[in-house]
N, C-alpha and C. Protein backbone atom coordinates (compact mmCIF):
# COMPACT_ATOMS: atom_id res chain seq x y z
N MET A 1 100.15 -2.74 287.84
CA MET A 1 99.15 -1.97 288.41
C MET A 1 97.89 -2.57 287.68
N LEU A 2 96.88 -2.72 288.45
CA LEU A 2 95.52 -3.09 288.03
C LEU A 2 94.69 -2.21 287.54
N ARG A 3 94.13 -2.65 286.52
CA ARG A 3 93.02 -1.64 285.77
C ARG A 3 91.77 -2.31 285.76
N ASN A 4 90.81 -1.52 285.88
CA ASN A 4 89.44 -1.93 285.58
C ASN A 4 89.10 -2.11 284.08
N MET A 5 88.63 -3.13 283.62
CA MET A 5 88.24 -3.42 282.12
C MET A 5 87.29 -2.34 281.76
N GLN A 6 86.32 -1.86 282.78
CA GLN A 6 85.52 -1.06 282.18
C GLN A 6 85.88 0.44 282.03
N GLU A 7 86.94 0.57 282.92
CA GLU A 7 87.97 2.07 282.82
C GLU A 7 88.63 2.04 281.44
N LEU A 8 88.96 0.72 280.77
CA LEU A 8 89.55 0.76 279.61
C LEU A 8 88.90 0.77 278.44
N LYS A 9 87.56 0.51 278.61
CA LYS A 9 86.55 0.90 277.30
C LYS A 9 86.55 1.99 276.74
N SER A 10 86.70 2.16 275.35
CA SER A 10 86.67 3.59 274.68
C SER A 10 88.20 4.07 274.61
N TYR A 11 89.20 3.40 275.35
CA TYR A 11 90.66 3.96 275.09
C TYR A 11 91.09 3.83 273.52
N THR A 12 91.88 4.68 273.23
CA THR A 12 92.17 4.65 271.72
C THR A 12 93.28 3.94 271.73
N ILE A 13 93.28 3.07 270.70
CA ILE A 13 94.25 2.17 270.14
C ILE A 13 95.07 2.52 269.08
N ALA A 14 96.43 2.59 269.44
CA ALA A 14 97.42 3.10 268.07
C ALA A 14 98.47 2.09 268.04
N ALA A 15 98.33 1.94 266.57
CA ALA A 15 99.24 0.91 265.89
C ALA A 15 100.66 1.71 265.83
N THR A 16 101.55 1.06 265.41
CA THR A 16 103.12 1.73 265.14
C THR A 16 102.64 2.94 264.05
N ASP A 17 101.91 2.89 263.31
CA ASP A 17 101.68 3.75 262.16
C ASP A 17 100.37 4.49 262.15
N GLY A 18 99.70 4.56 263.00
CA GLY A 18 98.59 5.35 263.23
C GLY A 18 97.60 4.98 264.11
N ASP A 19 96.52 5.80 264.67
CA ASP A 19 95.34 5.08 265.48
C ASP A 19 94.53 4.22 264.48
N VAL A 20 94.07 3.09 265.21
CA VAL A 20 93.21 1.99 264.55
C VAL A 20 91.85 1.69 265.00
N GLY A 21 91.68 2.24 266.34
CA GLY A 21 90.14 2.39 266.81
C GLY A 21 90.15 2.51 268.23
N GLU A 22 89.12 1.70 268.87
CA GLU A 22 89.12 1.85 270.28
C GLU A 22 88.57 0.77 270.78
N LEU A 23 89.07 0.43 272.27
CA LEU A 23 88.80 -0.67 272.79
C LEU A 23 87.09 -0.87 273.19
N THR A 24 86.60 -2.02 273.24
CA THR A 24 85.35 -2.01 273.27
C THR A 24 84.67 -3.26 274.29
N ASP A 25 85.72 -4.25 274.31
CA ASP A 25 85.38 -5.17 275.22
C ASP A 25 86.67 -6.12 275.36
N ALA A 26 86.63 -7.31 276.24
CA ALA A 26 87.63 -8.12 276.55
C ALA A 26 87.23 -9.60 276.73
N TYR A 27 88.10 -10.60 276.16
CA TYR A 27 87.93 -11.61 276.56
C TYR A 27 88.84 -12.40 277.60
N PHE A 28 88.24 -12.85 278.64
CA PHE A 28 88.85 -13.32 280.05
C PHE A 28 89.24 -14.92 279.94
N ASP A 29 90.09 -15.34 280.44
CA ASP A 29 90.29 -16.59 280.61
C ASP A 29 89.76 -17.10 281.95
N ASP A 30 88.53 -17.91 281.59
CA ASP A 30 87.74 -18.26 282.96
C ASP A 30 88.41 -19.22 284.09
N GLN A 31 89.70 -19.65 283.83
CA GLN A 31 90.47 -20.33 284.94
C GLN A 31 91.36 -19.56 285.75
N SER A 32 92.06 -18.62 284.94
CA SER A 32 93.20 -17.77 285.51
C SER A 32 92.49 -16.54 285.57
N TRP A 33 91.55 -16.00 285.04
CA TRP A 33 91.20 -14.56 285.12
C TRP A 33 91.95 -13.69 284.83
N VAL A 34 92.39 -13.72 283.50
CA VAL A 34 93.64 -12.94 283.01
C VAL A 34 93.01 -12.59 281.60
N VAL A 35 93.03 -11.16 280.84
CA VAL A 35 92.78 -11.01 279.98
C VAL A 35 93.46 -11.54 278.94
N ARG A 36 92.69 -12.31 277.94
CA ARG A 36 93.35 -13.12 276.77
C ARG A 36 93.49 -12.50 275.61
N TYR A 37 92.25 -11.63 275.37
CA TYR A 37 92.23 -10.76 274.14
C TYR A 37 91.39 -9.56 274.59
N MET A 38 91.72 -8.32 273.65
CA MET A 38 90.99 -7.28 273.80
C MET A 38 90.07 -7.29 272.47
N VAL A 39 89.10 -6.61 272.50
CA VAL A 39 88.22 -6.42 271.11
C VAL A 39 88.27 -5.06 270.84
N ILE A 40 88.70 -4.70 269.43
CA ILE A 40 88.94 -3.32 269.07
C ILE A 40 88.02 -2.89 267.69
N LYS A 41 87.29 -1.87 268.17
CA LYS A 41 86.28 -1.58 267.02
C LYS A 41 87.25 -0.64 266.16
N THR A 42 87.46 -0.95 264.69
CA THR A 42 88.20 -0.26 263.93
C THR A 42 87.81 0.85 263.62
N GLY A 43 86.32 1.10 263.07
CA GLY A 43 86.25 2.37 262.86
C GLY A 43 86.25 2.42 261.23
N ALA A 44 86.05 3.61 260.60
CA ALA A 44 85.77 3.73 259.26
C ALA A 44 86.86 3.34 258.27
N TRP A 45 88.34 3.34 258.79
CA TRP A 45 89.45 3.11 258.05
C TRP A 45 89.45 1.46 257.60
N LEU A 46 88.83 0.67 258.56
CA LEU A 46 88.42 -0.51 258.27
C LEU A 46 87.27 -1.18 258.27
N THR A 47 86.19 -0.38 257.59
CA THR A 47 84.83 -0.66 257.51
C THR A 47 84.31 -1.21 258.82
N SER A 48 84.60 -0.65 259.82
CA SER A 48 84.20 -0.81 261.19
C SER A 48 84.21 -2.17 261.49
N ARG A 49 85.33 -2.89 261.37
CA ARG A 49 85.51 -4.52 261.61
C ARG A 49 85.85 -4.40 263.12
N ASN A 50 85.77 -5.43 263.78
CA ASN A 50 86.12 -5.74 265.16
C ASN A 50 87.21 -6.74 264.90
N VAL A 51 88.49 -6.39 265.57
CA VAL A 51 89.75 -7.46 265.61
C VAL A 51 90.04 -7.53 267.03
N LEU A 52 90.83 -8.80 267.23
CA LEU A 52 90.83 -9.37 268.40
C LEU A 52 92.60 -8.80 268.53
N ILE A 53 92.89 -8.14 269.88
CA ILE A 53 94.59 -7.88 270.15
C ILE A 53 94.82 -8.58 271.28
N SER A 54 95.77 -9.22 271.59
CA SER A 54 96.36 -9.82 272.45
C SER A 54 96.91 -8.89 273.50
N PRO A 55 97.27 -9.02 274.79
CA PRO A 55 97.55 -7.98 275.54
C PRO A 55 99.17 -8.06 275.37
N TYR A 56 99.59 -9.29 274.61
CA TYR A 56 101.09 -9.47 274.23
C TYR A 56 101.50 -8.24 273.42
N ALA A 57 100.68 -7.78 272.78
CA ALA A 57 101.03 -6.72 271.43
C ALA A 57 100.82 -5.10 272.05
N VAL A 58 100.40 -5.06 273.33
CA VAL A 58 100.64 -3.76 274.19
C VAL A 58 102.06 -3.26 274.38
N GLN A 59 102.30 -2.31 273.83
CA GLN A 59 103.80 -1.69 273.93
C GLN A 59 103.72 -0.97 275.39
N HIS A 60 102.72 0.21 275.24
CA HIS A 60 102.67 1.17 276.29
C HIS A 60 101.36 1.49 276.32
N ALA A 61 100.98 2.12 277.74
CA ALA A 61 99.75 2.57 278.24
C ALA A 61 99.86 3.86 278.72
N ASP A 62 99.26 4.84 277.96
CA ASP A 62 99.46 5.92 278.63
C ASP A 62 98.02 6.31 279.14
N TRP A 63 98.19 6.14 280.47
CA TRP A 63 96.81 6.41 281.48
C TRP A 63 96.10 7.79 281.29
N ALA A 64 96.73 8.84 281.20
CA ALA A 64 96.51 10.05 281.25
C ALA A 64 95.77 10.42 279.92
N SER A 65 95.99 10.13 278.88
CA SER A 65 95.53 10.36 277.61
C SER A 65 94.71 9.25 277.16
N LYS A 66 94.47 8.37 278.15
CA LYS A 66 93.44 6.98 277.73
C LYS A 66 93.82 6.35 276.19
N ARG A 67 95.07 5.89 276.32
CA ARG A 67 95.70 5.34 274.86
C ARG A 67 96.49 4.09 275.26
N LEU A 68 96.28 3.30 274.33
CA LEU A 68 97.18 2.10 274.43
C LEU A 68 97.99 1.98 272.89
N SER A 69 99.49 1.88 272.99
CA SER A 69 99.88 1.76 271.77
C SER A 69 100.44 0.29 271.89
N LEU A 70 100.22 -0.26 270.57
CA LEU A 70 100.64 -1.44 270.02
C LEU A 70 101.93 -1.70 269.54
N SER A 71 102.55 -3.03 269.27
CA SER A 71 103.73 -3.20 268.41
C SER A 71 103.28 -3.82 267.14
N LEU A 72 102.19 -3.50 266.62
CA LEU A 72 101.69 -3.78 265.38
C LEU A 72 101.24 -2.83 264.47
N THR A 73 101.47 -3.02 262.92
CA THR A 73 101.02 -2.03 262.14
C THR A 73 99.67 -2.16 261.54
N ARG A 74 99.14 -1.05 261.13
CA ARG A 74 97.73 -0.94 260.77
C ARG A 74 97.39 -2.26 259.58
N ASP A 75 98.44 -2.40 258.76
CA ASP A 75 98.29 -3.48 258.08
C ASP A 75 98.27 -5.01 258.37
N GLN A 76 98.95 -5.31 259.46
CA GLN A 76 98.97 -6.62 260.47
C GLN A 76 97.48 -6.69 260.84
N LEU A 77 96.92 -5.53 261.32
CA LEU A 77 95.60 -5.76 261.90
C LEU A 77 94.69 -5.74 260.70
N LYS A 78 94.81 -5.17 259.63
CA LYS A 78 94.07 -5.27 258.37
C LYS A 78 93.77 -6.61 257.96
N ASN A 79 95.07 -7.22 258.12
CA ASN A 79 94.93 -8.52 257.40
C ASN A 79 94.71 -9.79 258.57
N SER A 80 94.44 -9.65 259.77
CA SER A 80 94.61 -10.43 260.83
C SER A 80 93.06 -11.10 260.50
N PRO A 81 93.23 -12.67 261.27
CA PRO A 81 92.36 -13.36 261.05
C PRO A 81 90.81 -12.68 261.72
N ASP A 82 89.85 -12.98 260.75
CA ASP A 82 88.58 -12.59 261.25
C ASP A 82 88.05 -13.34 262.48
N ILE A 83 87.16 -12.75 263.15
CA ILE A 83 86.66 -13.43 264.29
C ILE A 83 85.22 -12.81 264.64
N ASP A 84 84.25 -13.92 265.10
CA ASP A 84 82.87 -13.29 265.24
C ASP A 84 82.98 -13.00 267.01
N THR A 85 82.74 -11.66 267.08
CA THR A 85 83.33 -11.46 268.66
C THR A 85 81.98 -11.50 269.37
N LYS A 86 81.00 -12.26 268.82
CA LYS A 86 79.85 -12.75 269.65
C LYS A 86 79.75 -14.07 270.06
N LYS A 87 80.96 -14.57 269.75
CA LYS A 87 81.16 -16.03 270.10
C LYS A 87 82.27 -16.28 270.80
N PRO A 88 82.43 -17.58 271.46
CA PRO A 88 83.90 -17.86 272.33
C PRO A 88 84.57 -18.14 271.34
N VAL A 89 85.88 -17.93 271.62
CA VAL A 89 87.30 -18.12 270.56
C VAL A 89 87.44 -19.38 270.85
N SER A 90 87.63 -20.26 269.69
CA SER A 90 87.80 -21.53 269.66
C SER A 90 89.55 -21.70 269.73
N ARG A 91 89.86 -22.77 270.21
CA ARG A 91 91.38 -23.17 270.22
C ARG A 91 92.01 -23.21 268.83
N GLN A 92 91.17 -23.53 267.87
CA GLN A 92 91.57 -23.46 266.42
C GLN A 92 91.94 -21.89 266.02
N HIS A 93 90.80 -21.22 266.31
CA HIS A 93 91.06 -19.86 266.13
C HIS A 93 92.40 -19.04 266.75
N GLU A 94 92.34 -19.47 267.94
CA GLU A 94 93.43 -19.09 268.86
C GLU A 94 94.93 -19.36 268.35
N MET A 95 95.31 -20.85 267.83
CA MET A 95 96.21 -21.24 266.84
C MET A 95 96.49 -20.16 265.65
N GLU A 96 95.38 -20.06 264.94
CA GLU A 96 95.52 -19.36 263.72
C GLU A 96 95.95 -17.77 264.06
N TYR A 97 95.41 -17.21 264.98
CA TYR A 97 95.88 -15.86 265.48
C TYR A 97 97.19 -16.10 265.98
N ALA A 98 97.76 -16.68 266.83
CA ALA A 98 99.21 -16.59 267.56
C ALA A 98 100.21 -17.07 266.41
N ASP A 99 99.66 -18.07 265.52
CA ASP A 99 100.75 -18.23 264.22
C ASP A 99 100.79 -16.95 263.38
N TYR A 100 99.76 -16.38 263.10
CA TYR A 100 99.70 -14.92 262.27
C TYR A 100 100.63 -14.21 262.67
N TYR A 101 100.46 -13.84 264.11
CA TYR A 101 101.43 -12.78 264.87
C TYR A 101 102.64 -13.24 265.32
N ALA A 102 102.84 -14.66 265.17
CA ALA A 102 103.95 -15.24 265.67
C ALA A 102 104.31 -15.14 267.27
N TYR A 103 103.21 -15.18 267.98
CA TYR A 103 103.04 -15.50 269.41
C TYR A 103 103.35 -16.92 269.67
N PRO A 104 103.75 -16.83 270.98
CA PRO A 104 103.95 -18.26 271.67
C PRO A 104 102.40 -18.68 272.24
N TYR A 105 102.09 -19.80 272.07
CA TYR A 105 100.80 -20.47 272.45
C TYR A 105 101.10 -20.21 274.11
N TYR A 106 99.92 -19.80 274.78
CA TYR A 106 99.90 -19.68 276.12
C TYR A 106 99.52 -21.05 276.85
N TRP A 107 99.01 -22.06 276.16
CA TRP A 107 98.27 -23.20 276.63
C TRP A 107 99.33 -24.17 276.82
N GLY A 108 99.48 -25.14 277.85
CA GLY A 108 100.15 -26.26 277.85
C GLY A 108 101.75 -25.89 278.10
N THR A 109 102.04 -24.84 278.21
CA THR A 109 103.52 -24.27 278.43
C THR A 109 103.83 -23.58 279.74
N GLY A 110 102.68 -23.51 280.80
CA GLY A 110 103.10 -23.09 282.13
C GLY A 110 102.77 -21.70 282.21
N GLY A 111 102.01 -21.24 281.09
CA GLY A 111 101.31 -19.92 281.08
C GLY A 111 102.08 -18.73 280.24
N TYR A 112 102.49 -18.89 278.93
CA TYR A 112 103.10 -17.67 278.52
C TYR A 112 101.98 -16.71 278.50
N TRP A 113 102.71 -15.29 278.67
CA TRP A 113 101.48 -14.08 278.55
C TRP A 113 100.10 -14.36 279.29
N GLY A 114 100.36 -14.88 280.26
CA GLY A 114 98.84 -15.01 280.97
C GLY A 114 98.73 -15.17 282.73
N MET A 115 99.98 -15.36 283.11
CA MET A 115 100.14 -15.73 284.54
C MET A 115 100.26 -14.50 285.41
N GLY A 116 100.09 -13.28 284.92
CA GLY A 116 100.43 -12.09 285.94
C GLY A 116 101.20 -11.18 285.29
N CYS A 117 102.19 -11.82 284.24
CA CYS A 117 103.30 -10.71 283.58
C CYS A 117 103.33 -11.29 282.17
N ILE A 118 103.97 -10.10 281.64
CA ILE A 118 104.11 -10.53 280.17
C ILE A 118 105.69 -10.49 279.91
N CYS A 119 106.36 -11.50 279.47
CA CYS A 119 107.90 -11.58 279.62
C CYS A 119 107.98 -11.88 277.81
N ARG A 120 108.85 -10.54 277.46
CA ARG A 120 109.45 -10.75 275.82
C ARG A 120 110.70 -10.32 275.91
């Protein structure tokens, strides 16, 4: 099902061990027009830090309660690589991010987690 990113803004984001913040923005791939990363504002528990979340981490979407559940813990998010969400994401940062979460790279492989479906 397709969703409008504007509709998803302010959805509650839940880690496996508790709520972590809300969705505030997204990074799109400018060639294939898929969401590469979602920006999560963490709130007071992590000094209002913004973190990037890959759609690969979304386990479940509860559209009625406006909630996205992740396959990540709060500690994983707390210790995730820092990102300046006011700038484009560099390939170097993407590699650091993917390595941190042990995600496959989506570039140069025929499109892991970006060509319309996520296969895990």
